[in-house]
Amino acid sequence: MTSSSTSSSRFPRISTTGVPTRCWCGEGITTFGSSTAENRYQRFYRCKIGRDRKSENHLFKRIDEALIDEIWMVDAKYEKVAQGLTKFKERVMENVNSAIALLEHEMSQELKEMVNLEIARVENEMKQKLKIAMVVMIVVGAMVGLCTSLIV
């Protein structure tokens, strides 16, 4: 098997990562199939100039190698996105927990205010009822005293 990393001393082969789009000479890339006995039907990327000028080292990359490179690049991007999502999730959870703590504090303060207002309302109501009860007791006491003095 011929490797895509072979080079000649006159024109060193330039390494590319992934699926190439252009040769170093500027020519677009085309796919070809190998016709050699050892690499029969092996597909590769090459520019047309490089195919015609075998003595020059124009871009040559086997398709299977290019696709493996692409898979590795996608895998690296996936890992980067997954790490970003994990960090994002952590930040969101921190924000949610902070918001929950703030809401709990605010609700606790509101509840204390409502309880204090209700206690004050009940206290005033009890004072009014106590005043009425005292007036009733005084009136009843006066009536009992009056009745007792009339009977004696």
N, C-alpha and C. Protein backbone atom coordinates (compact mmCIF):
# COMPACT_ATOMS: atom_id res chain seq x y z
N MET A 1 0.84 -1.18 0.00
CA MET A 1 0.00 0.00 0.00
C MET A 1 0.88 1.23 0.00
N THR A 2 0.49 2.21 -0.77
CA THR A 2 1.22 3.46 -0.83
C THR A 2 0.65 4.40 0.21
N SER A 3 1.51 5.07 0.94
CA SER A 3 1.05 6.00 1.98
C SER A 3 0.98 7.39 1.42
N SER A 4 0.08 8.19 1.97
CA SER A 4 -0.07 9.57 1.50
C SER A 4 1.01 10.46 2.07
N SER A 5 1.90 9.91 2.89
CA SER A 5 2.92 10.74 3.50
C SER A 5 4.28 10.62 2.80
N THR A 6 4.34 9.90 1.67
CA THR A 6 5.60 9.81 0.95
C THR A 6 5.91 11.15 0.33
N SER A 7 7.19 11.41 0.14
CA SER A 7 7.57 12.68 -0.46
C SER A 7 8.84 12.50 -1.27
N SER A 8 9.06 13.42 -2.17
CA SER A 8 10.32 13.43 -2.90
C SER A 8 11.13 14.58 -2.39
N SER A 9 12.40 14.57 -2.62
CA SER A 9 13.26 15.62 -2.10
C SER A 9 13.02 16.93 -2.85
N ARG A 10 12.56 16.85 -4.09
CA ARG A 10 12.37 18.04 -4.89
C ARG A 10 11.13 18.81 -4.49
N PHE A 11 10.03 18.12 -4.29
CA PHE A 11 8.75 18.74 -3.93
C PHE A 11 8.17 18.00 -2.73
N PRO A 12 8.42 18.48 -1.52
CA PRO A 12 7.87 17.77 -0.36
C PRO A 12 6.36 17.81 -0.36
N ARG A 13 5.78 16.69 -0.01
CA ARG A 13 4.33 16.60 0.02
C ARG A 13 3.82 17.32 1.26
N ILE A 14 2.79 18.15 1.09
CA ILE A 14 2.21 18.91 2.19
C ILE A 14 1.07 18.09 2.80
N SER A 15 1.11 17.95 4.12
CA SER A 15 0.08 17.17 4.80
C SER A 15 -1.18 18.01 4.99
N THR A 16 -2.32 17.40 4.78
CA THR A 16 -3.60 18.07 5.01
C THR A 16 -4.39 17.22 6.00
N THR A 17 -5.25 17.89 6.73
CA THR A 17 -6.10 17.19 7.68
C THR A 17 -7.52 17.19 7.16
N GLY A 18 -8.17 16.06 7.23
CA GLY A 18 -9.56 15.97 6.78
C GLY A 18 -9.65 15.85 5.28
N VAL A 19 -10.83 16.17 4.76
CA VAL A 19 -11.08 16.09 3.32
C VAL A 19 -10.55 17.37 2.68
N PRO A 20 -9.58 17.25 1.77
CA PRO A 20 -9.01 18.44 1.15
C PRO A 20 -9.97 19.06 0.13
N THR A 21 -9.82 20.36 -0.09
CA THR A 21 -10.65 21.04 -1.09
C THR A 21 -9.81 21.63 -2.22
N ARG A 22 -8.54 21.93 -1.94
CA ARG A 22 -7.63 22.49 -2.93
C ARG A 22 -6.23 21.92 -2.74
N CYS A 23 -5.51 21.83 -3.83
CA CYS A 23 -4.11 21.43 -3.81
C CYS A 23 -3.26 22.65 -3.47
N TRP A 24 -2.00 22.44 -3.12
CA TRP A 24 -1.12 23.56 -2.83
C TRP A 24 -0.93 24.44 -4.05
N CYS A 25 -1.15 23.89 -5.25
CA CYS A 25 -0.98 24.68 -6.48
C CYS A 25 -2.21 25.55 -6.77
N GLY A 26 -3.28 25.38 -6.01
CA GLY A 26 -4.49 26.18 -6.20
C GLY A 26 -5.59 25.46 -6.96
N GLU A 27 -5.24 24.35 -7.55
CA GLU A 27 -6.20 23.57 -8.34
C GLU A 27 -7.19 22.86 -7.41
N GLY A 28 -8.44 22.74 -7.87
CA GLY A 28 -9.45 22.01 -7.11
C GLY A 28 -9.12 20.53 -7.04
N ILE A 29 -9.72 19.87 -6.09
CA ILE A 29 -9.44 18.44 -5.85
C ILE A 29 -10.50 17.58 -6.52
N THR A 30 -10.05 16.46 -7.05
CA THR A 30 -10.94 15.49 -7.68
C THR A 30 -10.64 14.12 -7.06
N THR A 31 -11.63 13.23 -7.10
CA THR A 31 -11.39 11.87 -6.61
C THR A 31 -11.04 10.97 -7.78
N PHE A 32 -10.09 10.11 -7.52
CA PHE A 32 -9.65 9.15 -8.52
C PHE A 32 -9.61 7.78 -7.88
N GLY A 33 -9.55 6.75 -8.72
CA GLY A 33 -9.39 5.38 -8.24
C GLY A 33 -8.04 4.85 -8.67
N SER A 34 -7.37 4.14 -7.78
CA SER A 34 -6.05 3.59 -8.08
C SER A 34 -6.18 2.47 -9.10
N SER A 35 -5.18 2.42 -9.96
CA SER A 35 -5.18 1.32 -10.94
C SER A 35 -3.98 0.40 -10.74
N THR A 36 -3.22 0.63 -9.68
CA THR A 36 -2.07 -0.25 -9.42
C THR A 36 -2.56 -1.57 -8.84
N ALA A 37 -1.79 -2.60 -9.01
CA ALA A 37 -2.18 -3.94 -8.56
C ALA A 37 -2.28 -4.00 -7.04
N GLU A 38 -1.37 -3.34 -6.32
CA GLU A 38 -1.39 -3.43 -4.86
C GLU A 38 -2.49 -2.57 -4.22
N ASN A 39 -2.95 -1.56 -4.91
CA ASN A 39 -4.01 -0.67 -4.35
C ASN A 39 -5.23 -0.62 -5.26
N ARG A 40 -5.51 -1.72 -5.90
CA ARG A 40 -6.61 -1.73 -6.88
C ARG A 40 -7.90 -1.18 -6.28
N TYR A 41 -8.50 -0.24 -6.98
CA TYR A 41 -9.78 0.40 -6.64
C TYR A 41 -9.73 1.28 -5.38
N GLN A 42 -8.54 1.51 -4.85
CA GLN A 42 -8.41 2.43 -3.71
C GLN A 42 -8.72 3.84 -4.20
N ARG A 43 -9.62 4.53 -3.50
CA ARG A 43 -10.02 5.88 -3.91
C ARG A 43 -9.11 6.90 -3.23
N PHE A 44 -8.80 8.00 -3.93
CA PHE A 44 -7.95 9.04 -3.36
C PHE A 44 -8.31 10.40 -3.94
N TYR A 45 -7.89 11.45 -3.21
CA TYR A 45 -8.07 12.83 -3.65
C TYR A 45 -6.76 13.29 -4.29
N ARG A 46 -6.90 14.01 -5.41
CA ARG A 46 -5.74 14.56 -6.07
C ARG A 46 -6.20 15.64 -7.03
N CYS A 47 -5.32 16.60 -7.30
CA CYS A 47 -5.67 17.59 -8.33
C CYS A 47 -5.31 17.01 -9.70
N LYS A 48 -5.93 17.54 -10.73
CA LYS A 48 -5.70 17.01 -12.08
C LYS A 48 -4.26 17.25 -12.54
N ILE A 49 -3.70 18.37 -12.10
CA ILE A 49 -2.31 18.67 -12.49
C ILE A 49 -1.39 17.61 -11.90
N GLY A 50 -1.60 17.26 -10.62
CA GLY A 50 -0.79 16.25 -9.97
C GLY A 50 -0.93 14.89 -10.61
N ARG A 51 -2.10 14.61 -11.15
CA ARG A 51 -2.31 13.32 -11.81
C ARG A 51 -1.51 13.26 -13.11
N ASP A 52 -1.46 14.41 -13.79
CA ASP A 52 -0.74 14.44 -15.06
C ASP A 52 0.77 14.57 -14.87
N ARG A 53 1.20 15.23 -13.80
CA ARG A 53 2.63 15.45 -13.55
C ARG A 53 3.08 14.59 -12.37
N LYS A 54 3.37 13.36 -12.63
CA LYS A 54 3.71 12.40 -11.56
C LYS A 54 5.00 12.78 -10.84
N SER A 55 5.89 13.54 -11.48
CA SER A 55 7.17 13.88 -10.86
C SER A 55 7.01 14.96 -9.78
N GLU A 56 5.90 15.70 -9.79
CA GLU A 56 5.66 16.74 -8.79
C GLU A 56 4.77 16.18 -7.68
N ASN A 57 5.01 16.66 -6.49
CA ASN A 57 4.24 16.18 -5.34
C ASN A 57 3.04 17.09 -5.08
N HIS A 58 2.04 16.96 -5.89
CA HIS A 58 0.80 17.68 -5.64
C HIS A 58 0.02 16.91 -4.58
N LEU A 59 -1.03 17.51 -4.09
CA LEU A 59 -1.78 16.89 -3.01
C LEU A 59 -2.24 15.48 -3.40
N PHE A 60 -2.05 14.56 -2.47
CA PHE A 60 -2.52 13.19 -2.62
C PHE A 60 -2.98 12.73 -1.25
N LYS A 61 -4.23 12.34 -1.18
CA LYS A 61 -4.74 11.85 0.11
C LYS A 61 -5.76 10.77 -0.17
N ARG A 62 -5.58 9.64 0.51
CA ARG A 62 -6.53 8.55 0.34
C ARG A 62 -7.84 8.94 1.02
N ILE A 63 -8.93 8.58 0.41
CA ILE A 63 -10.25 8.96 0.91
C ILE A 63 -10.51 8.37 2.29
N ASP A 64 -10.11 7.12 2.52
CA ASP A 64 -10.34 6.52 3.83
C ASP A 64 -9.59 7.27 4.92
N GLU A 65 -8.36 7.72 4.64
CA GLU A 65 -7.60 8.50 5.62
C GLU A 65 -8.27 9.86 5.86
N ALA A 66 -8.74 10.48 4.79
CA ALA A 66 -9.39 11.79 4.92
C ALA A 66 -10.66 11.67 5.76
N LEU A 67 -11.42 10.61 5.55
CA LEU A 67 -12.66 10.44 6.31
C LEU A 67 -12.38 10.12 7.77
N ILE A 68 -11.32 9.37 8.03
CA ILE A 68 -10.94 9.11 9.43
C ILE A 68 -10.52 10.42 10.10
N ASP A 69 -9.76 11.25 9.37
CA ASP A 69 -9.40 12.58 9.90
C ASP A 69 -10.66 13.38 10.24
N GLU A 70 -11.62 13.35 9.33
CA GLU A 70 -12.87 14.10 9.55
C GLU A 70 -13.61 13.58 10.79
N ILE A 71 -13.63 12.27 10.95
CA ILE A 71 -14.29 11.68 12.12
C ILE A 71 -13.60 12.14 13.39
N TRP A 72 -12.26 12.14 13.39
CA TRP A 72 -11.52 12.60 14.57
C TRP A 72 -11.80 14.08 14.86
N MET A 73 -11.89 14.89 13.79
CA MET A 73 -12.18 16.32 13.99
C MET A 73 -13.59 16.51 14.55
N VAL A 74 -14.55 15.75 14.02
CA VAL A 74 -15.93 15.85 14.52
C VAL A 74 -15.99 15.39 15.97
N ASP A 75 -15.26 14.32 16.29
CA ASP A 75 -15.22 13.82 17.66
C ASP A 75 -14.64 14.87 18.60
N ALA A 76 -13.57 15.54 18.18
CA ALA A 76 -12.97 16.60 19.01
C ALA A 76 -13.95 17.76 19.19
N LYS A 77 -14.65 18.12 18.12
CA LYS A 77 -15.65 19.20 18.22
C LYS A 77 -16.79 18.78 19.14
N TYR A 78 -17.19 17.53 19.04
CA TYR A 78 -18.26 17.02 19.90
C TYR A 78 -17.85 17.12 21.37
N GLU A 79 -16.62 16.71 21.67
CA GLU A 79 -16.13 16.77 23.05
C GLU A 79 -16.12 18.21 23.55
N LYS A 80 -15.70 19.12 22.68
CA LYS A 80 -15.65 20.54 23.06
C LYS A 80 -17.06 21.06 23.33
N VAL A 81 -18.01 20.69 22.49
CA VAL A 81 -19.40 21.11 22.68
C VAL A 81 -19.97 20.48 23.95
N ALA A 82 -19.66 19.21 24.19
CA ALA A 82 -20.16 18.53 25.39
C ALA A 82 -19.61 19.20 26.65
N GLN A 83 -18.33 19.58 26.63
CA GLN A 83 -17.74 20.28 27.78
C GLN A 83 -18.40 21.64 27.96
N GLY A 84 -18.65 22.33 26.83
CA GLY A 84 -19.32 23.63 26.90
C GLY A 84 -20.72 23.49 27.48
N LEU A 85 -21.43 22.44 27.08
CA LEU A 85 -22.78 22.22 27.60
C LEU A 85 -22.75 21.91 29.09
N THR A 86 -21.76 21.15 29.51
CA THR A 86 -21.63 20.84 30.94
C THR A 86 -21.39 22.11 31.74
N LYS A 87 -20.49 22.95 31.25
CA LYS A 87 -20.22 24.23 31.94
C LYS A 87 -21.46 25.12 31.93
N PHE A 88 -22.16 25.14 30.80
CA PHE A 88 -23.38 25.94 30.69
C PHE A 88 -24.42 25.45 31.69
N LYS A 89 -24.58 24.14 31.78
CA LYS A 89 -25.54 23.55 32.72
C LYS A 89 -25.18 23.93 34.15
N GLU A 90 -23.89 23.87 34.48
CA GLU A 90 -23.46 24.25 35.82
C GLU A 90 -23.79 25.72 36.11
N ARG A 91 -23.53 26.60 35.14
CA ARG A 91 -23.84 28.03 35.34
C ARG A 91 -25.33 28.25 35.48
N VAL A 92 -26.12 27.56 34.67
CA VAL A 92 -27.58 27.69 34.76
C VAL A 92 -28.07 27.22 36.13
N MET A 93 -27.54 26.08 36.59
CA MET A 93 -27.96 25.56 37.90
C MET A 93 -27.56 26.51 39.02
N GLU A 94 -26.37 27.12 38.91
CA GLU A 94 -25.97 28.12 39.91
C GLU A 94 -26.94 29.29 39.91
N ASN A 95 -27.31 29.76 38.72
CA ASN A 95 -28.26 30.87 38.62
C ASN A 95 -29.63 30.48 39.17
N VAL A 96 -30.07 29.28 38.86
CA VAL A 96 -31.37 28.81 39.35
C VAL A 96 -31.34 28.72 40.87
N ASN A 97 -30.27 28.14 41.41
CA ASN A 97 -30.17 28.02 42.87
C ASN A 97 -30.12 29.38 43.55
N SER A 98 -29.41 30.33 42.94
CA SER A 98 -29.37 31.70 43.48
C SER A 98 -30.75 32.33 43.44
N ALA A 99 -31.45 32.14 42.33
CA ALA A 99 -32.80 32.71 42.19
C ALA A 99 -33.75 32.07 43.21
N ILE A 100 -33.62 30.76 43.42
CA ILE A 100 -34.47 30.08 44.40
C ILE A 100 -34.19 30.62 45.80
N ALA A 101 -32.91 30.79 46.13
CA ALA A 101 -32.56 31.31 47.46
C ALA A 101 -33.11 32.72 47.64
N LEU A 102 -33.01 33.54 46.62
CA LEU A 102 -33.54 34.91 46.68
C LEU A 102 -35.05 34.89 46.85
N LEU A 103 -35.73 34.05 46.07
CA LEU A 103 -37.19 33.94 46.19
C LEU A 103 -37.60 33.43 47.56
N GLU A 104 -36.88 32.46 48.09
CA GLU A 104 -37.20 31.95 49.42
C GLU A 104 -37.06 33.06 50.45
N HIS A 105 -36.01 33.85 50.34
CA HIS A 105 -35.79 34.96 51.28
C HIS A 105 -36.93 35.99 51.15
N GLU A 106 -37.25 36.36 49.91
CA GLU A 106 -38.33 37.34 49.69
C GLU A 106 -39.66 36.80 50.20
N MET A 107 -39.95 35.53 49.92
CA MET A 107 -41.21 34.94 50.37
C MET A 107 -41.24 34.86 51.89
N SER A 108 -40.12 34.56 52.51
CA SER A 108 -40.04 34.50 53.96
C SER A 108 -40.34 35.89 54.56
N GLN A 109 -39.76 36.92 53.96
CA GLN A 109 -40.01 38.29 54.43
C GLN A 109 -41.48 38.66 54.27
N GLU A 110 -42.05 38.34 53.10
CA GLU A 110 -43.47 38.64 52.86
C GLU A 110 -44.36 37.89 53.84
N LEU A 111 -44.02 36.62 54.09
CA LEU A 111 -44.81 35.81 55.02
C LEU A 111 -44.73 36.40 56.44
N LYS A 112 -43.53 36.83 56.84
CA LYS A 112 -43.39 37.46 58.16
C LYS A 112 -44.25 38.72 58.25
N GLU A 113 -44.23 39.51 57.18
CA GLU A 113 -45.05 40.73 57.16
C GLU A 113 -46.53 40.39 57.27
N MET A 114 -46.95 39.38 56.49
CA MET A 114 -48.37 38.99 56.52
C MET A 114 -48.76 38.46 57.90
N VAL A 115 -47.89 37.67 58.52
CA VAL A 115 -48.17 37.14 59.86
C VAL A 115 -48.25 38.29 60.86
N ASN A 116 -47.30 39.22 60.79
CA ASN A 116 -47.32 40.36 61.71
C ASN A 116 -48.58 41.21 61.52
N LEU A 117 -48.99 41.42 60.26
CA LEU A 117 -50.22 42.18 60.00
C LEU A 117 -51.44 41.44 60.57
N GLU A 118 -51.47 40.13 60.40
CA GLU A 118 -52.60 39.35 60.91
C GLU A 118 -52.62 39.37 62.44
N ILE A 119 -51.44 39.26 63.04
CA ILE A 119 -51.36 39.34 64.51
C ILE A 119 -51.86 40.70 64.98
N ALA A 120 -51.45 41.77 64.32
CA ALA A 120 -51.89 43.12 64.70
C ALA A 120 -53.41 43.25 64.52
N ARG A 121 -53.96 42.69 63.43
CA ARG A 121 -55.40 42.76 63.18
C ARG A 121 -56.16 42.00 64.28
N VAL A 122 -55.68 40.78 64.61
CA VAL A 122 -56.34 39.98 65.65
C VAL A 122 -56.22 40.68 67.00
N GLU A 123 -55.08 41.28 67.27
CA GLU A 123 -54.88 42.01 68.53
C GLU A 123 -55.87 43.16 68.65
N ASN A 124 -56.03 43.92 67.57
CA ASN A 124 -57.01 45.04 67.59
C ASN A 124 -58.43 44.51 67.76
N GLU A 125 -58.73 43.43 67.07
CA GLU A 125 -60.06 42.84 67.19
C GLU A 125 -60.31 42.35 68.61
N MET A 126 -59.30 41.73 69.20
CA MET A 126 -59.44 41.26 70.59
C MET A 126 -59.59 42.43 71.57
N LYS A 127 -58.88 43.51 71.33
CA LYS A 127 -59.01 44.70 72.18
C LYS A 127 -60.42 45.25 72.10
N GLN A 128 -60.97 45.29 70.90
CA GLN A 128 -62.34 45.79 70.72
C GLN A 128 -63.33 44.88 71.45
N LYS A 129 -63.15 43.59 71.31
CA LYS A 129 -64.05 42.64 71.98
C LYS A 129 -63.89 42.73 73.49
N LEU A 130 -62.64 42.93 73.95
CA LEU A 130 -62.40 43.07 75.38
C LEU A 130 -63.07 44.34 75.92
N LYS A 131 -63.02 45.43 75.15
CA LYS A 131 -63.68 46.67 75.56
C LYS A 131 -65.19 46.45 75.67
N ILE A 132 -65.73 45.78 74.66
CA ILE A 132 -67.17 45.50 74.67
C ILE A 132 -67.51 44.62 75.87
N ALA A 133 -66.68 43.60 76.12
CA ALA A 133 -66.93 42.69 77.25
C ALA A 133 -66.85 43.46 78.57
N MET A 134 -65.90 44.38 78.68
CA MET A 134 -65.78 45.18 79.91
C MET A 134 -66.99 46.07 80.09
N VAL A 135 -67.45 46.67 79.00
CA VAL A 135 -68.63 47.53 79.08
C VAL A 135 -69.83 46.68 79.49
N VAL A 136 -69.97 45.51 78.91
CA VAL A 136 -71.08 44.62 79.25
C VAL A 136 -70.99 44.22 80.72
N MET A 137 -69.76 43.89 81.19
CA MET A 137 -69.60 43.51 82.60
C MET A 137 -69.95 44.67 83.53
N ILE A 138 -69.56 45.88 83.14
CA ILE A 138 -69.88 47.05 83.97
C ILE A 138 -71.38 47.26 84.00
N VAL A 139 -72.01 47.15 82.84
CA VAL A 139 -73.46 47.35 82.77
C VAL A 139 -74.15 46.26 83.57
N VAL A 140 -73.72 45.01 83.40
CA VAL A 140 -74.34 43.92 84.15
C VAL A 140 -74.09 44.11 85.64
N GLY A 141 -72.88 44.49 86.00
CA GLY A 141 -72.57 44.72 87.41
C GLY A 141 -73.43 45.84 87.99
N ALA A 142 -73.60 46.89 87.21
CA ALA A 142 -74.43 48.01 87.68
C ALA A 142 -75.87 47.56 87.83
N MET A 143 -76.34 46.77 86.90
CA MET A 143 -77.73 46.29 86.97
C MET A 143 -77.91 45.37 88.16
N VAL A 144 -76.92 44.49 88.41
CA VAL A 144 -76.99 43.59 89.55
C VAL A 144 -76.97 44.43 90.83
N GLY A 145 -76.11 45.42 90.89
CA GLY A 145 -76.05 46.29 92.06
C GLY A 145 -77.34 47.05 92.23
N LEU A 146 -77.93 47.52 91.20
CA LEU A 146 -79.19 48.26 91.25
C LEU A 146 -80.30 47.35 91.69
N CYS A 147 -80.33 46.15 91.13
CA CYS A 147 -81.37 45.18 91.51
C CYS A 147 -81.21 44.78 92.97
N THR A 148 -80.02 44.60 93.40
CA THR A 148 -79.77 44.21 94.79
C THR A 148 -80.19 45.34 95.72
N SER A 149 -79.91 46.57 95.37
CA SER A 149 -80.28 47.69 96.25
C SER A 149 -81.79 47.88 96.24
N LEU A 150 -82.48 47.55 95.21
CA LEU A 150 -83.93 47.70 95.15
C LEU A 150 -84.60 46.60 95.95
N ILE A 151 -84.03 45.47 95.99
CA ILE A 151 -84.62 44.35 96.70
C ILE A 151 -84.39 44.53 98.20
N VAL A 152 -83.39 45.09 98.62
CA VAL A 152 -83.10 45.22 100.04
C VAL A 152 -83.79 46.38 100.61
